[in-house]
Amino acid sequence: MTKNPETRRGHGREWVVALSIVGTMLGAALSFGQPPQGGGGPQAPYVMPPLGEALFSDLHNKIIHFPIVLGLLGALLVLVAWRKPQYETIAFWVVWFALLSTLAAYFSGLAQSTEFLHRPKRWIMETHMRFGIGLAFAECVWLLALLRRRTHGLAAVMSFIVAGLVLVTGFLGGLVAHGRGGAPPRAESASAAPAAAAPVAGTDSLTHTP
């Protein structure tokens, strides 16, 4: 069965819009990773490592942008497709690639997690990992719900759940990578103890021994 040329042109415009949104969101996500300019005194210019090392070292740090962007974009497209069915095919494939990128991010993060095993951030790294597992399972349910029209309502609900998990998991990952904690309670109490134990000047002259 041949498709109407007008229908093909309409789907072509929808793909252009979807790909433009993907490109814009990826560009915005990558731009947040740029270091601030200026300050810190003179420094030697950054030397690019060999291409293979640049591509595959700390792979999780490079992959993680894709599940964030594709997960949020998929949630948006699924909700749009609820009213405009012509976006259902695009939404399905974006959700599929979001799941694949989440799995890639999880396994690449698992490979890098060993460096936190004996560090104070181990607990938050493990929390971040658990949320990543939950996100992958939620996206599996999301994808299955899109396969049947009668479960599209569930897919719309899963869009909000997945978007929330993406944001929480990304936030925890940001703390793992860039978070700086405050002074530990023991250090604060230790610094306050000598001041509390120090005698007040002049108190000895007020005492009287019979």
Protein backbone atom coordinates (compact mmCIF):
# COMPACT_ATOMS: atom_id res chain seq x y z
CA MET A 1 0.00 0.00 0.00
CA THR A 2 1.53 3.29 -1.09
CA LYS A 3 1.45 6.28 1.14
CA ASN A 4 0.03 9.59 0.12
CA PRO A 5 2.85 12.03 -0.85
CA GLU A 6 1.32 14.58 1.50
CA THR A 7 1.52 12.04 4.34
CA ARG A 8 5.18 11.34 3.56
CA ARG A 9 5.97 15.06 3.53
CA GLY A 10 4.15 15.45 6.85
CA HIS A 11 6.16 12.67 8.46
CA GLY A 12 9.33 14.19 7.02
CA ARG A 13 8.59 17.51 8.72
CA GLU A 14 7.93 15.72 12.02
CA TRP A 15 11.29 13.94 11.83
CA VAL A 16 13.05 17.23 11.09
CA VAL A 17 11.38 18.83 14.12
CA ALA A 18 12.27 15.87 16.36
CA LEU A 19 15.90 15.76 15.20
CA SER A 20 16.21 19.52 15.62
CA ILE A 21 15.00 19.22 19.22
CA VAL A 22 17.46 16.37 19.87
CA GLY A 23 20.34 18.44 18.48
CA THR A 24 19.36 21.48 20.51
CA MET A 25 19.02 19.53 23.75
CA LEU A 26 22.32 17.69 23.22
CA GLY A 27 24.06 20.97 22.50
CA ALA A 28 22.61 22.51 25.64
CA ALA A 29 23.59 19.49 27.76
CA LEU A 30 27.15 19.45 26.43
CA SER A 31 27.52 23.21 26.92
CA PHE A 32 26.99 22.81 30.68
CA GLY A 33 30.19 20.80 30.83
CA GLN A 34 32.40 23.63 29.53
CA PRO A 35 34.89 24.96 32.11
CA PRO A 36 34.69 28.64 33.14
CA GLN A 37 36.93 31.00 31.24
CA GLY A 38 39.60 33.11 32.90
CA GLY A 39 40.94 33.18 36.44
CA GLY A 40 43.34 30.90 38.21
CA GLY A 41 46.52 32.42 36.78
CA PRO A 42 48.47 31.36 33.71
CA GLN A 43 48.17 27.69 32.81
CA ALA A 44 49.58 25.48 30.11
CA PRO A 45 47.14 24.85 27.24
CA TYR A 46 45.26 21.56 27.26
CA VAL A 47 46.88 18.90 25.10
CA MET A 48 44.43 16.58 23.34
CA PRO A 49 45.21 12.90 24.07
CA PRO A 50 45.22 10.29 21.27
CA LEU A 51 41.79 9.82 19.71
CA GLY A 52 41.27 6.31 21.06
CA GLU A 53 42.10 7.39 24.61
CA ALA A 54 39.92 10.49 24.32
CA LEU A 55 36.94 8.43 23.12
CA PHE A 56 37.08 5.52 25.57
CA SER A 57 38.63 6.89 28.76
CA ASP A 58 35.99 7.78 31.39
CA LEU A 59 33.33 6.64 28.92
CA HIS A 60 30.47 7.17 31.38
CA ASN A 61 31.18 10.90 31.48
CA LYS A 62 30.59 11.08 27.73
CA ILE A 63 27.61 8.72 27.41
CA ILE A 64 25.58 10.15 30.29
CA HIS A 65 24.28 13.10 28.26
CA PHE A 66 22.33 10.80 25.93
CA PRO A 67 19.95 9.14 28.43
CA ILE A 68 19.22 12.55 29.94
CA VAL A 69 18.37 14.19 26.63
CA LEU A 70 16.63 11.19 25.03
CA GLY A 71 14.66 10.35 28.18
CA LEU A 72 13.28 13.88 28.55
CA LEU A 73 12.65 14.22 24.82
CA GLY A 74 10.91 10.83 24.74
CA ALA A 75 8.65 11.88 27.62
CA LEU A 76 7.72 15.04 25.74
CA LEU A 77 7.04 13.20 22.47
CA VAL A 78 4.92 10.50 24.12
CA LEU A 79 2.73 13.18 25.68
CA VAL A 80 2.51 15.02 22.35
CA ALA A 81 1.61 11.76 20.57
CA TRP A 82 -1.29 11.33 23.02
CA ARG A 83 -3.01 14.15 21.13
CA LYS A 84 -1.20 13.85 17.79
CA PRO A 85 -0.86 10.16 16.78
CA GLN A 86 1.44 11.02 13.86
CA TYR A 87 4.25 11.38 16.43
CA GLU A 88 3.82 7.85 17.81
CA THR A 89 6.51 6.28 15.61
CA ILE A 90 9.04 8.98 16.45
CA ALA A 91 8.22 8.73 20.16
CA PHE A 92 8.67 4.94 20.11
CA TRP A 93 12.14 5.11 18.54
CA VAL A 94 13.28 7.92 20.84
CA VAL A 95 12.16 5.87 23.87
CA TRP A 96 13.97 2.81 22.46
CA PHE A 97 17.23 4.75 22.04
CA ALA A 98 16.75 6.28 25.50
CA LEU A 99 16.66 2.77 26.98
CA LEU A 100 19.75 1.68 25.04
CA SER A 101 21.66 4.78 26.13
CA THR A 102 20.60 4.22 29.76
CA LEU A 103 21.97 0.68 29.63
CA ALA A 104 25.21 1.94 28.07
CA ALA A 105 25.51 4.61 30.75
CA TYR A 106 24.88 2.08 33.53
CA PHE A 107 27.52 -0.42 32.42
CA SER A 108 30.09 2.30 31.68
CA GLY A 109 29.39 3.80 35.11
CA LEU A 110 29.73 0.39 36.72
CA ALA A 111 33.20 0.11 35.21
CA GLN A 112 34.19 3.48 36.69
CA SER A 113 32.59 2.89 40.11
CA THR A 114 35.62 1.05 41.52
CA GLU A 115 37.45 4.33 42.07
CA PHE A 116 34.82 5.30 44.69
CA LEU A 117 34.93 2.08 46.71
CA HIS A 118 37.23 3.55 49.38
CA ARG A 119 36.12 7.18 49.17
CA PRO A 120 33.58 9.20 51.17
CA LYS A 121 31.28 9.48 48.13
CA ARG A 122 30.77 5.75 47.88
CA TRP A 123 27.28 5.88 49.42
CA ILE A 124 26.01 8.54 47.02
CA MET A 125 27.61 6.72 44.07
CA GLU A 126 25.72 3.57 45.06
CA THR A 127 22.48 5.57 45.45
CA HIS A 128 23.04 7.04 41.99
CA MET A 129 23.56 3.52 40.63
CA ARG A 130 20.32 2.23 42.21
CA PHE A 131 18.35 5.06 40.66
CA GLY A 132 19.97 4.24 37.31
CA ILE A 133 18.75 0.64 37.62
CA GLY A 134 15.27 1.89 38.49
CA LEU A 135 15.34 4.19 35.46
CA ALA A 136 16.25 1.30 33.15
CA PHE A 137 13.38 -0.84 34.47
CA ALA A 138 10.95 2.08 34.16
CA GLU A 139 12.01 2.62 30.56
CA CYS A 140 11.44 -1.08 29.81
CA VAL A 141 7.85 -0.77 31.07
CA TRP A 142 7.53 2.49 29.15
CA LEU A 143 8.64 0.87 25.91
CA LEU A 144 6.32 -2.13 26.34
CA ALA A 145 3.40 0.20 27.04
CA LEU A 146 3.98 1.90 23.70
CA LEU A 147 3.67 -1.38 21.78
CA ARG A 148 -0.11 -1.62 22.28
CA ARG A 149 -2.59 1.15 21.74
CA ARG A 150 -4.71 0.12 24.74
CA THR A 151 -1.73 0.73 27.07
CA HIS A 152 -0.85 4.18 25.73
CA GLY A 153 -2.43 5.68 28.83
CA LEU A 154 0.12 3.81 30.92
CA ALA A 155 2.85 5.08 28.60
CA ALA A 156 1.73 8.66 29.25
CA VAL A 157 1.89 8.07 33.01
CA MET A 158 5.32 6.45 32.65
CA SER A 159 6.52 9.58 30.86
CA PHE A 160 6.22 11.56 34.09
CA ILE A 161 7.83 8.77 36.13
CA VAL A 162 10.75 8.43 33.71
CA ALA A 163 11.28 12.20 33.53
CA GLY A 164 11.40 12.35 37.33
CA LEU A 165 13.86 9.45 37.53
CA VAL A 166 16.07 11.05 34.86
CA LEU A 167 16.22 14.31 36.80
CA VAL A 168 16.91 12.64 40.18
CA THR A 169 19.51 10.26 38.75
CA GLY A 170 21.22 13.10 36.89
CA PHE A 171 21.24 15.24 40.04
CA LEU A 172 22.85 12.46 42.06
CA GLY A 173 25.39 11.87 39.30
CA GLY A 174 26.26 15.56 39.38
CA LEU A 175 26.92 15.30 43.12
CA VAL A 176 29.15 12.27 42.54
CA ALA A 177 31.17 14.12 39.92
CA HIS A 178 31.21 17.68 41.28
CA GLY A 179 29.71 17.74 44.78
CA ARG A 180 31.70 19.28 47.63
CA GLY A 181 30.49 18.38 51.11
CA GLY A 182 30.75 20.55 54.20
CA ALA A 183 32.98 19.95 57.17
CA PRO A 184 32.22 16.62 58.90
CA PRO A 185 30.46 16.89 62.30
CA ARG A 186 33.45 15.45 64.16
CA ALA A 187 35.74 18.20 62.89
CA GLU A 188 33.26 20.89 63.94
CA SER A 189 32.76 19.40 67.43
CA ALA A 190 36.52 18.95 67.90
CA SER A 191 37.18 22.57 67.02
CA ALA A 192 34.49 23.73 69.48
CA ALA A 193 35.69 21.52 72.36
CA PRO A 194 38.93 23.40 73.25
CA ALA A 195 37.06 26.71 73.41
CA ALA A 196 34.48 25.23 75.78
CA ALA A 197 37.14 23.65 78.00
CA ALA A 198 39.32 26.79 78.29
CA PRO A 199 39.05 28.50 81.73
CA VAL A 200 37.56 31.97 81.92
CA ALA A 201 40.13 34.64 82.77
CA GLY A 202 39.98 35.84 86.36
CA THR A 203 37.92 32.98 87.79
CA ASP A 204 40.82 31.70 89.92
CA SER A 205 41.02 35.01 91.83
CA LEU A 206 37.38 34.67 92.85
CA THR A 207 37.75 31.30 94.53
CA HIS A 208 38.48 31.09 98.25
CA THR A 209 39.80 28.10 100.09
CA PRO A 210 39.08 28.08 103.84
